[in-house]
N, C-alpha and C. Protein backbone atom coordinates (compact mmCIF):
# COMPACT_ATOMS: atom_id res chain seq x y z
N MET A 1 -42.93 -24.35 -16.12
CA MET A 1 -42.95 -24.35 -17.49
C MET A 1 -42.31 -22.90 -17.68
N SER A 2 -41.33 -22.79 -18.59
CA SER A 2 -40.51 -21.99 -18.99
C SER A 2 -41.25 -21.15 -20.07
N LEU A 3 -40.60 -19.92 -19.97
CA LEU A 3 -41.53 -18.76 -21.01
C LEU A 3 -41.48 -18.87 -22.21
N GLN A 4 -40.72 -19.37 -22.94
CA GLN A 4 -41.00 -20.05 -24.31
C GLN A 4 -42.25 -20.56 -24.88
N PRO A 5 -42.19 -21.54 -24.23
CA PRO A 5 -43.73 -22.56 -24.41
C PRO A 5 -45.40 -21.64 -24.29
N ILE A 6 -45.21 -21.21 -22.96
CA ILE A 6 -46.37 -19.99 -22.95
C ILE A 6 -46.70 -19.13 -23.88
N VAL A 7 -45.61 -18.59 -24.20
CA VAL A 7 -45.87 -17.37 -25.37
C VAL A 7 -46.14 -18.24 -26.65
N ALA A 8 -45.60 -19.17 -26.82
CA ALA A 8 -46.07 -20.16 -28.16
C ALA A 8 -47.46 -20.43 -27.64
N ILE A 9 -47.89 -20.99 -26.64
CA ILE A 9 -49.44 -21.56 -26.69
C ILE A 9 -50.03 -20.36 -26.97
N LEU A 10 -50.04 -19.45 -26.26
CA LEU A 10 -51.07 -18.05 -26.65
C LEU A 10 -51.21 -17.47 -27.63
N ALA A 11 -50.23 -17.87 -28.62
CA ALA A 11 -49.79 -17.11 -30.03
C ALA A 11 -51.05 -18.39 -30.89
N LEU A 12 -51.14 -19.51 -30.66
CA LEU A 12 -51.78 -20.26 -31.65
C LEU A 12 -53.69 -19.90 -31.54
N PRO A 13 -54.53 -19.67 -30.16
CA PRO A 13 -55.81 -19.62 -30.05
C PRO A 13 -55.91 -18.09 -30.69
N VAL A 14 -55.12 -17.40 -30.59
CA VAL A 14 -55.09 -15.65 -31.26
C VAL A 14 -54.86 -15.66 -32.83
N MET A 15 -54.34 -17.00 -33.09
CA MET A 15 -54.12 -16.89 -34.84
C MET A 15 -55.25 -17.88 -35.41
N LEU A 16 -56.24 -18.66 -34.72
CA LEU A 16 -56.83 -19.63 -35.14
C LEU A 16 -58.19 -18.65 -34.98
N PHE A 17 -58.35 -17.88 -33.52
CA PHE A 17 -59.61 -16.93 -34.02
C PHE A 17 -59.57 -16.02 -35.22
N ALA A 18 -58.42 -15.58 -35.43
CA ALA A 18 -58.07 -14.73 -36.36
C ALA A 18 -58.76 -15.18 -37.90
N ALA A 19 -58.35 -16.32 -37.87
CA ALA A 19 -58.50 -17.67 -39.02
C ALA A 19 -60.27 -17.69 -39.10
N TYR A 20 -60.69 -17.97 -38.08
CA TYR A 20 -62.21 -17.86 -37.70
C TYR A 20 -62.89 -17.06 -38.10
N ALA A 21 -62.48 -15.51 -37.70
CA ALA A 21 -63.45 -14.31 -38.52
C ALA A 21 -63.26 -14.26 -39.36
N ALA A 22 -62.30 -14.52 -40.12
CA ALA A 22 -61.93 -14.61 -41.72
C ALA A 22 -62.72 -15.44 -42.46
N LEU A 23 -62.76 -16.56 -42.06
CA LEU A 23 -64.06 -17.37 -42.81
C LEU A 23 -65.38 -16.79 -42.70
N ARG A 24 -65.78 -16.45 -41.41
CA ARG A 24 -66.54 -16.01 -41.06
C ARG A 24 -67.36 -14.60 -42.38
N ARG A 25 -66.22 -14.09 -42.30
CA ARG A 25 -66.61 -13.05 -43.62
C ARG A 25 -66.65 -13.83 -44.82
N ASP A 26 -66.39 -15.02 -45.43
CA ASP A 26 -66.05 -15.19 -46.81
C ASP A 26 -64.72 -14.75 -46.82
N LEU A 27 -63.68 -14.67 -46.19
CA LEU A 27 -62.67 -14.31 -46.77
C LEU A 27 -61.46 -15.74 -46.55
N LEU A 28 -61.61 -16.44 -47.49
CA LEU A 28 -61.41 -17.64 -47.34
C LEU A 28 -59.80 -18.13 -47.69
N ARG A 29 -59.70 -17.02 -48.49
CA ARG A 29 -57.71 -17.16 -48.80
C ARG A 29 -57.27 -16.23 -47.56
N THR A 30 -57.40 -15.61 -47.18
CA THR A 30 -56.97 -14.93 -45.41
C THR A 30 -57.44 -16.17 -44.73
N ALA A 31 -58.32 -16.61 -44.12
CA ALA A 31 -58.67 -17.98 -43.35
C ALA A 31 -57.20 -18.99 -43.57
N LEU A 32 -57.55 -19.21 -44.70
CA LEU A 32 -56.34 -20.52 -45.37
C LEU A 32 -54.82 -19.76 -44.64
N ALA A 33 -54.50 -18.71 -45.39
CA ALA A 33 -53.27 -17.93 -44.68
C ALA A 33 -53.19 -17.67 -43.59
N LEU A 34 -54.12 -17.41 -42.70
CA LEU A 34 -54.20 -17.54 -41.25
C LEU A 34 -53.64 -18.78 -40.32
N VAL A 35 -54.36 -19.75 -41.29
CA VAL A 35 -54.21 -21.22 -40.44
C VAL A 35 -52.78 -22.06 -40.86
N VAL A 36 -52.28 -21.30 -42.28
CA VAL A 36 -51.00 -22.21 -42.41
C VAL A 36 -49.53 -21.56 -41.77
N ALA A 37 -50.26 -20.33 -41.42
CA ALA A 37 -49.28 -19.06 -40.86
C ALA A 37 -48.74 -19.66 -39.34
N THR A 38 -50.00 -20.17 -38.59
CA THR A 38 -49.79 -20.32 -37.12
C THR A 38 -48.98 -21.09 -36.76
N PRO A 39 -48.49 -22.23 -36.98
CA PRO A 39 -47.70 -22.70 -36.57
C PRO A 39 -45.90 -21.60 -36.81
N LEU A 40 -46.38 -21.22 -37.73
CA LEU A 40 -44.93 -20.71 -37.85
C LEU A 40 -44.51 -19.09 -37.37
N VAL A 41 -45.69 -18.99 -37.26
CA VAL A 41 -45.84 -17.36 -36.09
C VAL A 41 -45.37 -17.96 -34.59
N ALA A 42 -46.38 -18.99 -34.09
CA ALA A 42 -46.06 -19.92 -33.00
C ALA A 42 -44.28 -20.23 -32.59
N GLY A 43 -43.76 -20.95 -33.82
CA GLY A 43 -42.38 -21.29 -33.91
C GLY A 43 -41.47 -19.78 -33.76
N LEU A 44 -41.48 -18.75 -34.66
CA LEU A 44 -41.14 -17.81 -34.23
C LEU A 44 -41.00 -16.92 -32.89
N ILE A 45 -42.19 -16.65 -32.68
CA ILE A 45 -42.36 -16.34 -30.84
C ILE A 45 -41.91 -17.31 -30.04
N TYR A 46 -41.39 -18.61 -30.39
CA TYR A 46 -40.93 -19.31 -29.32
C TYR A 46 -39.20 -19.04 -29.48
N LEU A 47 -39.03 -19.10 -30.68
CA LEU A 47 -37.34 -18.89 -30.74
C LEU A 47 -36.91 -17.21 -30.42
N GLY A 48 -38.07 -16.30 -30.42
CA GLY A 48 -37.37 -15.08 -29.87
C GLY A 48 -37.55 -15.01 -28.77
N ALA A 49 -38.37 -15.14 -28.08
CA ALA A 49 -38.51 -15.37 -26.20
C ALA A 49 -37.53 -16.29 -26.05
N GLY A 50 -36.62 -17.62 -26.48
CA GLY A 50 -35.85 -18.15 -26.03
C GLY A 50 -34.83 -17.35 -26.32
N HIS A 51 -34.26 -16.52 -27.17
CA HIS A 51 -33.13 -16.06 -27.78
C HIS A 51 -33.19 -14.92 -25.76
N GLN A 52 -34.28 -13.81 -26.42
CA GLN A 52 -34.05 -12.91 -25.54
C GLN A 52 -33.77 -14.14 -23.76
N TRP A 53 -34.61 -15.05 -23.92
CA TRP A 53 -34.55 -15.59 -22.08
C TRP A 53 -32.84 -15.58 -21.73
N THR A 54 -32.39 -16.30 -23.02
CA THR A 54 -31.25 -16.76 -23.00
C THR A 54 -30.08 -15.45 -22.74
N HIS A 55 -30.66 -14.36 -23.64
CA HIS A 55 -29.25 -13.37 -23.60
C HIS A 55 -29.67 -12.64 -21.86
N SER A 56 -30.78 -12.73 -21.57
CA SER A 56 -30.88 -12.13 -20.32
C SER A 56 -29.83 -12.81 -19.02
N ALA A 57 -30.00 -14.30 -19.15
CA ALA A 57 -29.28 -15.28 -18.55
C ALA A 57 -27.86 -14.81 -18.28
N THR A 58 -27.26 -14.72 -19.87
CA THR A 58 -25.92 -14.93 -20.16
C THR A 58 -25.60 -13.55 -19.49
N THR A 59 -26.35 -12.22 -19.76
CA THR A 59 -26.04 -11.14 -19.24
C THR A 59 -25.87 -11.18 -17.48
N ALA A 60 -26.64 -11.86 -16.65
CA ALA A 60 -26.63 -11.53 -15.49
C ALA A 60 -25.47 -12.47 -14.97
N ALA A 61 -24.62 -13.47 -15.42
CA ALA A 61 -23.88 -14.24 -15.35
C ALA A 61 -22.79 -13.32 -15.72
N PRO A 62 -21.53 -13.33 -14.33
CA PRO A 62 -20.51 -12.86 -14.76
C PRO A 62 -19.72 -13.91 -15.86
N THR A 63 -18.87 -12.80 -17.07
CA THR A 63 -18.23 -13.03 -17.95
C THR A 63 -16.51 -13.37 -17.91
N PRO A 64 -15.96 -14.11 -18.43
CA PRO A 64 -14.72 -13.90 -18.40
C PRO A 64 -13.91 -13.02 -18.18
N GLU A 65 -14.38 -12.37 -19.22
CA GLU A 65 -13.47 -10.28 -19.21
C GLU A 65 -13.99 -9.94 -17.66
N SER A 66 -14.98 -9.84 -16.95
CA SER A 66 -15.09 -9.58 -16.08
C SER A 66 -14.69 -10.17 -15.05
N SER A 67 -14.32 -11.30 -14.67
CA SER A 67 -13.94 -12.48 -14.06
C SER A 67 -12.50 -11.93 -13.78
N ALA A 68 -11.92 -11.72 -15.31
CA ALA A 68 -10.63 -11.41 -14.90
C ALA A 68 -9.96 -10.05 -14.47
N GLU A 69 -11.10 -9.04 -14.71
CA GLU A 69 -11.10 -7.29 -14.20
C GLU A 69 -10.99 -7.95 -12.48
N THR A 70 -11.98 -8.66 -12.12
CA THR A 70 -11.83 -8.80 -10.35
C THR A 70 -10.36 -9.25 -9.91
N VAL A 71 -10.02 -10.67 -10.63
CA VAL A 71 -8.52 -11.09 -10.24
C VAL A 71 -7.62 -10.13 -10.10
N ALA A 72 -7.50 -9.13 -11.36
CA ALA A 72 -6.97 -8.25 -11.58
C ALA A 72 -6.72 -7.15 -10.24
N THR A 73 -8.27 -6.70 -10.25
CA THR A 73 -8.03 -6.06 -8.87
C THR A 73 -7.54 -6.55 -7.55
N ALA A 74 -8.08 -7.75 -7.58
CA ALA A 74 -7.39 -8.39 -6.27
C ALA A 74 -6.23 -8.70 -6.13
N GLN A 75 -5.39 -8.72 -7.15
CA GLN A 75 -3.93 -8.85 -6.89
C GLN A 75 -3.46 -7.42 -6.99
N ASN A 76 -4.06 -6.41 -7.16
CA ASN A 76 -3.41 -5.26 -7.12
C ASN A 76 -2.79 -4.89 -5.49
N PRO A 77 -1.77 -4.39 -5.59
CA PRO A 77 -1.18 -4.04 -3.91
C PRO A 77 -2.20 -3.23 -2.93
N SER A 78 -2.53 -3.79 -2.11
CA SER A 78 -3.18 -3.20 -1.00
C SER A 78 -2.51 -2.06 -0.21
N PRO A 79 -3.42 -1.21 0.46
CA PRO A 79 -2.57 0.21 0.47
C PRO A 79 -1.42 -0.38 1.73
N SER A 80 -1.53 -1.43 2.63
CA SER A 80 -0.32 -2.11 3.21
C SER A 80 0.86 -2.06 2.80
N ALA A 81 0.33 -3.08 1.27
CA ALA A 81 1.61 -3.50 0.69
C ALA A 81 2.08 -2.11 0.13
N ALA A 82 1.56 -1.61 -0.87
CA ALA A 82 1.96 -0.28 -1.44
C ALA A 82 2.92 0.35 -0.31
N GLY A 83 2.28 0.73 0.92
CA GLY A 83 3.22 1.27 2.03
C GLY A 83 4.67 0.39 2.01
N SER A 84 4.49 -0.64 2.53
CA SER A 84 5.78 -1.41 2.42
C SER A 84 6.73 -1.09 1.46
N GLY A 85 6.24 -0.82 -0.20
CA GLY A 85 7.08 -0.60 -1.13
C GLY A 85 7.78 0.94 -0.85
N LYS A 86 6.70 1.41 -0.07
CA LYS A 86 7.30 3.20 -0.16
C LYS A 86 8.50 3.02 0.97
N VAL A 87 8.49 1.99 2.07
CA VAL A 87 9.27 2.16 3.06
C VAL A 87 10.64 0.92 2.29
N SER A 88 10.42 0.57 1.45
CA SER A 88 11.70 -0.29 1.29
C SER A 88 12.31 0.81 -0.13
N ALA A 89 11.71 1.22 -0.53
CA ALA A 89 12.37 2.68 -1.17
C ALA A 89 13.40 3.41 -0.66
N LEU A 90 12.31 4.35 0.50
CA LEU A 90 12.97 5.06 1.43
C LEU A 90 13.88 4.30 2.09
N ARG A 91 14.17 3.22 2.60
CA ARG A 91 15.35 2.68 3.23
C ARG A 91 16.64 2.47 2.55
N THR A 92 16.14 1.97 1.16
CA THR A 92 17.56 1.81 0.38
C THR A 92 18.21 3.41 0.22
N GLN A 93 17.43 4.79 0.01
CA GLN A 93 17.95 5.99 0.25
C GLN A 93 18.78 6.34 1.51
N ALA A 94 18.13 5.69 2.28
CA ALA A 94 18.55 6.26 3.92
C ALA A 94 19.81 5.18 3.85
N GLU A 95 20.10 4.22 3.93
CA GLU A 95 21.39 3.43 3.89
C GLU A 95 22.32 4.13 2.89
N ALA A 96 21.78 4.44 1.72
CA ALA A 96 22.87 4.72 0.91
C ALA A 96 23.60 6.03 1.76
N ALA A 97 22.72 7.10 2.47
CA ALA A 97 22.87 8.19 2.65
C ALA A 97 24.01 7.59 4.32
N ARG A 98 23.53 6.77 4.55
CA ARG A 98 24.21 6.81 6.05
C ARG A 98 25.49 6.38 5.64
N ARG A 99 26.02 5.19 4.44
CA ARG A 99 27.27 4.74 3.78
C ARG A 99 28.13 6.42 3.36
N ALA A 100 27.59 7.34 2.90
CA ALA A 100 28.19 8.20 2.34
C ALA A 100 28.58 9.14 3.62
N LYS A 101 28.16 8.67 4.98
CA LYS A 101 28.04 9.45 5.91
C LYS A 101 27.17 10.81 5.88
N ASN A 102 26.11 11.00 4.97
CA ASN A 102 25.47 12.34 5.29
C ASN A 102 24.22 11.75 6.27
N TYR A 103 24.57 11.64 7.36
CA TYR A 103 23.47 11.54 8.29
C TYR A 103 22.28 12.21 8.49
N ALA A 104 22.73 13.65 8.31
CA ALA A 104 21.27 14.22 8.21
C ALA A 104 20.24 13.92 7.24
N GLU A 105 20.89 13.39 6.13
CA GLU A 105 19.87 13.06 5.08
C GLU A 105 19.39 12.03 5.24
N ALA A 106 20.36 10.72 5.86
CA ALA A 106 19.84 9.37 6.20
C ALA A 106 18.55 9.93 7.46
N ALA A 107 18.74 10.98 8.39
CA ALA A 107 18.08 10.86 9.29
C ALA A 107 16.34 11.26 9.02
N THR A 108 16.35 12.29 7.99
CA THR A 108 15.29 12.81 6.99
C THR A 108 14.73 11.64 6.52
N ARG A 109 15.49 10.32 5.88
CA ARG A 109 14.87 9.76 5.30
C ARG A 109 14.06 8.79 6.33
N PHE A 110 14.60 8.56 7.35
CA PHE A 110 14.49 7.53 8.53
C PHE A 110 13.19 7.97 8.91
N ARG A 111 13.08 9.18 9.31
CA ARG A 111 11.96 10.15 9.73
C ARG A 111 10.61 9.74 8.89
N GLU A 112 10.71 10.01 6.83
CA GLU A 112 9.99 9.34 5.84
C GLU A 112 9.13 7.95 6.78
N ILE A 113 10.12 7.32 6.97
CA ILE A 113 10.04 5.84 6.97
C ILE A 113 9.25 5.71 8.47
N THR A 114 9.16 6.32 9.53
CA THR A 114 8.31 6.53 10.67
C THR A 114 7.02 7.21 10.35
N GLN A 115 6.83 7.83 9.35
CA GLN A 115 5.69 8.76 9.06
C GLN A 115 4.86 7.47 8.27
N ALA A 116 5.53 6.70 7.27
CA ALA A 116 4.93 5.63 6.42
C ALA A 116 4.39 4.56 6.99
N ALA A 117 5.35 4.38 8.29
CA ALA A 117 5.44 2.88 8.93
C ALA A 117 5.35 3.44 10.63
N PRO A 118 4.28 3.78 11.04
CA PRO A 118 4.79 4.43 12.75
C PRO A 118 4.64 3.37 13.60
N PHE A 119 4.12 2.07 13.16
CA PHE A 119 4.21 0.92 14.58
C PHE A 119 5.18 0.19 14.30
N ASP A 120 6.60 0.66 13.40
CA ASP A 120 7.71 -0.29 13.16
C ASP A 120 8.32 0.08 13.60
N PRO A 121 9.19 -0.84 15.02
CA PRO A 121 9.66 -0.09 15.63
C PRO A 121 11.43 -0.16 15.10
N ASP A 122 11.66 -0.85 13.89
CA ASP A 122 13.14 -0.91 12.89
C ASP A 122 13.16 0.49 12.43
N GLY A 123 12.41 1.34 11.92
CA GLY A 123 12.19 2.23 11.54
C GLY A 123 12.56 3.72 12.84
N TRP A 124 12.08 3.65 13.71
CA TRP A 124 12.24 4.55 15.01
C TRP A 124 13.65 4.28 15.51
N ALA A 125 13.75 3.08 15.78
CA ALA A 125 15.19 2.71 16.29
C ALA A 125 16.58 3.29 15.41
N ASP A 126 16.34 3.15 13.95
CA ASP A 126 17.36 3.63 12.89
C ASP A 126 17.08 5.06 12.94
N LEU A 127 16.06 5.65 13.01
CA LEU A 127 16.09 7.18 13.02
C LEU A 127 16.73 7.32 14.47
N GLY A 128 16.83 7.25 15.44
CA GLY A 128 17.45 7.23 16.52
C GLY A 128 19.10 7.36 16.56
N ASP A 129 19.37 6.41 15.95
CA ASP A 129 20.84 5.90 15.17
C ASP A 129 21.20 7.22 14.64
N ALA A 130 20.51 7.73 13.56
CA ALA A 130 20.94 8.63 12.47
C ALA A 130 20.90 9.54 13.10
N GLN A 131 19.89 10.13 14.17
CA GLN A 131 19.88 11.53 14.46
C GLN A 131 21.61 11.41 15.78
N ALA A 132 21.42 10.46 15.97
CA ALA A 132 22.49 10.77 16.98
C ALA A 132 23.76 10.61 16.24
N ALA A 133 23.76 9.98 14.52
CA ALA A 133 25.29 10.23 14.22
C ALA A 133 25.44 11.81 13.82
N ALA A 134 24.15 12.29 13.35
CA ALA A 134 23.95 13.69 12.56
C ALA A 134 24.71 14.65 14.08
N ALA A 135 24.40 14.40 15.07
CA ALA A 135 24.60 15.30 16.31
C ALA A 135 26.17 15.04 16.49
N GLY A 136 27.01 14.08 15.61
CA GLY A 136 28.16 14.03 16.34
C GLY A 136 28.62 12.91 17.28
N GLY A 137 27.13 11.78 17.25
CA GLY A 137 27.78 10.56 18.52
C GLY A 137 26.82 11.10 19.31
N ASP A 138 26.05 12.10 19.65
CA ASP A 138 25.35 12.16 21.07
C ASP A 138 24.33 11.69 20.88
N LEU A 139 23.94 10.46 21.88
CA LEU A 139 22.43 9.61 21.88
C LEU A 139 21.40 10.69 22.01
N ALA A 140 21.57 11.13 22.82
CA ALA A 140 20.52 11.82 23.56
C ALA A 140 19.48 13.03 22.15
N ALA A 141 20.12 13.10 21.16
CA ALA A 141 19.78 13.78 20.38
C ALA A 141 18.89 13.28 19.04
N GLY A 142 18.79 11.47 19.53
CA GLY A 142 17.59 10.50 19.05
C GLY A 142 16.91 9.98 20.24
N GLU A 143 17.01 10.50 21.69
CA GLU A 143 16.27 9.97 22.67
C GLU A 143 14.85 9.33 21.78
N THR A 144 14.10 10.22 21.93
CA THR A 144 13.11 10.17 21.62
C THR A 144 12.12 9.09 20.47
N ALA A 145 12.84 9.05 19.56
CA ALA A 145 13.27 7.87 18.58
C ALA A 145 13.18 6.41 19.21
N ILE A 146 14.22 6.20 20.16
CA ILE A 146 14.72 5.25 20.83
C ILE A 146 13.46 4.98 21.34
N ASP A 147 13.38 5.66 22.38
CA ASP A 147 12.19 5.38 23.54
C ASP A 147 10.73 5.16 22.72
N ARG A 148 10.99 5.45 21.61
CA ARG A 148 9.43 5.15 21.04
C ARG A 148 9.54 3.60 20.16
N ALA A 149 10.90 3.37 19.68
CA ALA A 149 10.99 1.70 19.33
C ALA A 149 10.97 1.19 20.28
N LEU A 150 11.31 1.18 21.50
CA LEU A 150 10.96 0.06 22.75
C LEU A 150 9.69 0.51 23.20
N GLU A 151 9.02 1.52 22.94
CA GLU A 151 7.45 1.18 23.63
C GLU A 151 6.90 0.18 22.50
N LEU A 152 7.51 -0.02 21.03
CA LEU A 152 6.51 -0.69 20.27
C LEU A 152 7.19 -2.22 20.44
N ASP A 153 8.32 -2.28 20.89
CA ASP A 153 9.25 -3.58 20.71
C ASP A 153 10.07 -3.31 21.80
N GLY A 154 9.39 -3.84 23.38
CA GLY A 154 10.49 -3.94 24.38
C GLY A 154 11.88 -4.78 24.10
N ASP A 155 11.58 -5.63 23.74
CA ASP A 155 13.25 -6.29 23.19
C ASP A 155 13.59 -6.50 21.95
N HIS A 156 13.58 -5.23 21.30
CA HIS A 156 14.25 -4.76 20.11
C HIS A 156 15.44 -4.60 20.32
N ALA A 157 16.27 -5.44 19.60
CA ALA A 157 17.85 -5.48 20.20
C ALA A 157 18.27 -4.21 19.69
N LYS A 158 18.18 -3.26 18.45
CA LYS A 158 18.92 -2.45 18.51
C LYS A 158 18.80 -0.91 19.25
N ALA A 159 17.66 -1.29 19.52
CA ALA A 159 16.85 0.07 20.40
C ALA A 159 17.35 -0.40 21.83
N LEU A 160 17.48 -1.30 22.14
CA LEU A 160 17.94 -1.69 23.76
C LEU A 160 19.38 -1.20 23.71
N TRP A 161 20.69 -1.72 22.24
CA TRP A 161 21.60 -1.21 22.53
C TRP A 161 21.72 0.24 22.43
N LEU A 162 21.45 0.95 21.68
CA LEU A 162 21.25 2.53 21.63
C LEU A 162 21.03 3.39 23.35
N LYS A 163 19.61 2.38 23.61
CA LYS A 163 19.41 2.87 24.65
C LYS A 163 20.10 2.53 26.06
N ALA A 164 20.66 1.46 26.02
CA ALA A 164 22.01 1.39 26.90
C ALA A 164 22.90 2.09 26.95
N SER A 165 23.58 2.43 25.27
CA SER A 165 24.59 3.04 25.26
C SER A 165 24.21 5.01 25.49
N LEU A 166 22.85 5.30 25.88
CA LEU A 166 22.82 6.16 26.08
C LEU A 166 22.61 6.22 27.45
N GLU A 167 21.96 5.50 28.23
CA GLU A 167 21.93 5.43 29.58
C GLU A 167 23.97 5.46 30.01
N LEU A 168 24.37 4.81 29.69
CA LEU A 168 25.68 4.79 29.98
C LEU A 168 26.41 6.35 29.39
N GLN A 169 26.00 6.91 28.23
CA GLN A 169 26.63 8.55 28.26
C GLN A 169 26.26 9.22 29.10
N GLY A 170 24.62 9.19 29.59
CA GLY A 170 24.29 9.92 30.79
C GLY A 170 24.70 9.38 32.42
N LYS A 171 25.88 8.69 32.45
CA LYS A 171 26.21 8.18 33.56
C LYS A 171 25.32 7.65 34.81
N HIS A 172 24.04 6.99 33.88
CA HIS A 172 23.22 6.19 34.56
C HIS A 172 23.28 4.52 34.50
N TYR A 173 24.43 4.38 35.05
CA TYR A 173 25.35 2.98 35.24
C TYR A 173 24.54 1.79 35.54
N LYS A 174 23.62 2.29 36.48
CA LYS A 174 22.68 0.94 36.78
C LYS A 174 21.83 0.45 35.75
N ALA A 175 21.19 1.69 35.21
CA ALA A 175 19.96 1.83 33.90
C ALA A 175 20.74 0.99 32.69
N ALA A 176 21.71 1.25 32.41
CA ALA A 176 22.58 1.02 31.01
C ALA A 176 23.30 -0.46 31.94
N ALA A 177 23.10 -1.26 32.88
CA ALA A 177 23.58 -2.00 32.97
C ALA A 177 22.14 -3.29 32.59
N ASP A 178 20.54 -2.52 33.42
CA ASP A 178 19.70 -3.54 32.90
C ASP A 178 19.32 -3.47 31.94
N ARG A 179 19.45 -2.67 31.04
CA ARG A 179 19.23 -2.80 29.68
C ARG A 179 20.48 -3.86 28.87
N TRP A 180 21.83 -3.81 29.00
CA TRP A 180 22.72 -4.59 28.68
C TRP A 180 22.22 -6.15 28.80
N ARG A 181 21.53 -6.19 30.39
CA ARG A 181 21.25 -7.36 30.70
C ARG A 181 20.06 -7.87 30.01
N ARG A 182 18.93 -6.84 29.51
CA ARG A 182 17.69 -7.69 29.04
C ARG A 182 18.13 -8.21 27.39
N LEU A 183 19.28 -7.20 26.76
CA LEU A 183 19.42 -6.70 25.65
C LEU A 183 20.16 -8.75 25.57
N LEU A 184 20.91 -8.85 26.62
CA LEU A 184 22.03 -10.40 26.43
C LEU A 184 21.20 -11.59 26.25
N LYS A 185 20.00 -11.75 26.81
CA LYS A 185 18.80 -12.56 27.09
C LYS A 185 18.74 -12.79 26.07
N ALA A 186 17.72 -11.76 24.96
CA ALA A 186 17.39 -11.90 23.78
C ALA A 186 18.44 -12.29 22.54
N LEU A 187 19.66 -12.39 22.95
CA LEU A 187 20.90 -12.55 21.87
C LEU A 187 21.24 -14.20 22.27
N PRO A 188 21.44 -15.24 20.90
CA PRO A 188 21.93 -16.44 21.41
C PRO A 188 23.58 -16.46 21.87
N ALA A 189 23.96 -17.44 22.72
CA ALA A 189 24.78 -17.34 23.42
C ALA A 189 26.06 -16.91 22.70
N ASP A 190 26.62 -17.76 21.96
CA ASP A 190 27.56 -18.25 20.58
C ASP A 190 27.40 -16.86 20.25
N SER A 191 26.82 -15.48 19.82
CA SER A 191 27.24 -14.47 18.82
C SER A 191 28.09 -14.17 19.21
N SER A 192 28.73 -12.87 18.41
CA SER A 192 30.01 -12.15 18.51
C SER A 192 28.95 -10.80 19.52
N ASP A 193 27.69 -10.48 19.07
CA ASP A 193 27.39 -9.36 19.43
C ASP A 193 27.25 -9.67 21.32
N ALA A 194 27.13 -11.17 21.47
CA ALA A 194 26.61 -11.38 22.88
C ALA A 194 27.85 -10.88 23.74
N LYS A 195 29.38 -11.53 22.96
CA LYS A 195 30.56 -11.47 23.98
C LYS A 195 30.51 -9.82 23.94
N ILE A 196 30.14 -8.90 23.23
CA ILE A 196 30.35 -7.40 23.21
C ILE A 196 29.72 -7.15 24.29
N VAL A 197 28.31 -7.42 24.04
CA VAL A 197 27.09 -7.06 25.32
C VAL A 197 27.66 -6.99 27.07
N GLN A 198 27.93 -8.70 26.72
CA GLN A 198 28.61 -9.27 28.27
C GLN A 198 29.51 -8.07 28.74
N THR A 199 30.56 -8.06 27.83
CA THR A 199 31.54 -6.95 28.14
C THR A 199 31.35 -5.85 28.64
N ASN A 200 29.89 -5.16 27.98
CA ASN A 200 29.53 -3.95 28.24
C ASN A 200 28.56 -3.90 29.91
N LEU A 201 27.94 -5.19 29.42
CA LEU A 201 27.36 -5.49 31.02
C LEU A 201 28.30 -5.20 32.10
N GLU A 202 29.59 -5.94 31.87
CA GLU A 202 30.47 -5.98 33.43
C GLU A 202 30.87 -4.67 33.34
N GLU A 203 31.12 -3.97 32.44
CA GLU A 203 32.13 -2.49 32.87
C GLU A 203 30.51 -1.77 33.30
N ALA A 204 29.28 -1.83 32.71
CA ALA A 204 28.06 -1.20 33.67
C ALA A 204 27.89 -1.12 34.71
N GLU A 205 28.62 -2.49 35.36
CA GLU A 205 28.00 -3.00 36.24
C GLU A 205 29.28 -2.43 37.50
N ARG A 206 30.74 -2.69 36.91
CA ARG A 206 31.41 -1.76 37.83
C ARG A 206 31.35 -0.52 38.13
N LEU A 207 30.92 0.22 36.80
CA LEU A 207 30.85 1.21 37.07
C LEU A 207 29.78 1.77 37.96
N ALA A 208 28.53 1.07 37.92
CA ALA A 208 27.17 1.23 38.90
C ALA A 208 27.88 1.30 40.59
N SER A 209 28.78 0.35 40.92
CA SER A 209 29.25 0.20 41.92
C SER A 209 30.52 1.15 42.58
N GLY A 210 30.52 2.10 41.52
CA GLY A 210 31.93 2.77 41.62
C GLY A 210 31.47 4.60 42.52
N PRO A 211 32.37 5.37 42.83
CA PRO A 211 31.63 6.59 42.87
C PRO A 211 31.26 7.55 41.84
N GLY A 212 30.73 8.42 42.32
CA GLY A 212 29.79 9.13 40.90
C GLY A 212 29.18 8.76 40.17
N ALA A 213 28.43 7.47 40.60
CA ALA A 213 27.51 6.91 39.59
C ALA A 213 25.83 7.87 40.13
N SER A 214 25.23 8.00 38.26
CA SER A 214 23.89 8.33 38.86
C SER A 214 23.10 7.55 39.00
N PRO A 215 22.29 7.44 39.58
CA PRO A 215 21.30 6.53 39.85
C PRO A 215 20.42 6.12 38.48
């Protein structure tokens, strides 16, 4: 049984007892008034208790406004999404600096990308490339970043290209050939890049078999 009928039922004997007591004291009008008022009071108690019960139940349930706030919170960018937005903005700045041949500025922006997304090999490969360009084409300046990209993704195309070129720069022709060979396997056979890589591989293999080659 719900709370409302219980409260109303309990009110009836209380009011009737009060009427009986008034009648015993010869308070006829008071007794009559109490008898008449009993059902009215019980009804008011019932309605009042029912309103309070309904209000409590409504308060406990989520309102449309609170539900909308929950949905809005759920749709807010997660830290990782927010991080992706930052990386995108930094990449736009870095690419603009690279097109303007401001390689030092591009390297700075790419380094910030690696700090915001330390497990993204793209950022590390781009950082190594920009550092080499800022050093006048010396790939050794970007070696640490290039190696980090390959640690994260051993088949990363740009990092493999840079590393093969770095090995070639250091006259490590056999190591360069190994990198070109691995990159060639990762590229579609009909791509223009595959043809360039094949040419570079053949050159590295030729140099590896010649005199003065480093191991």
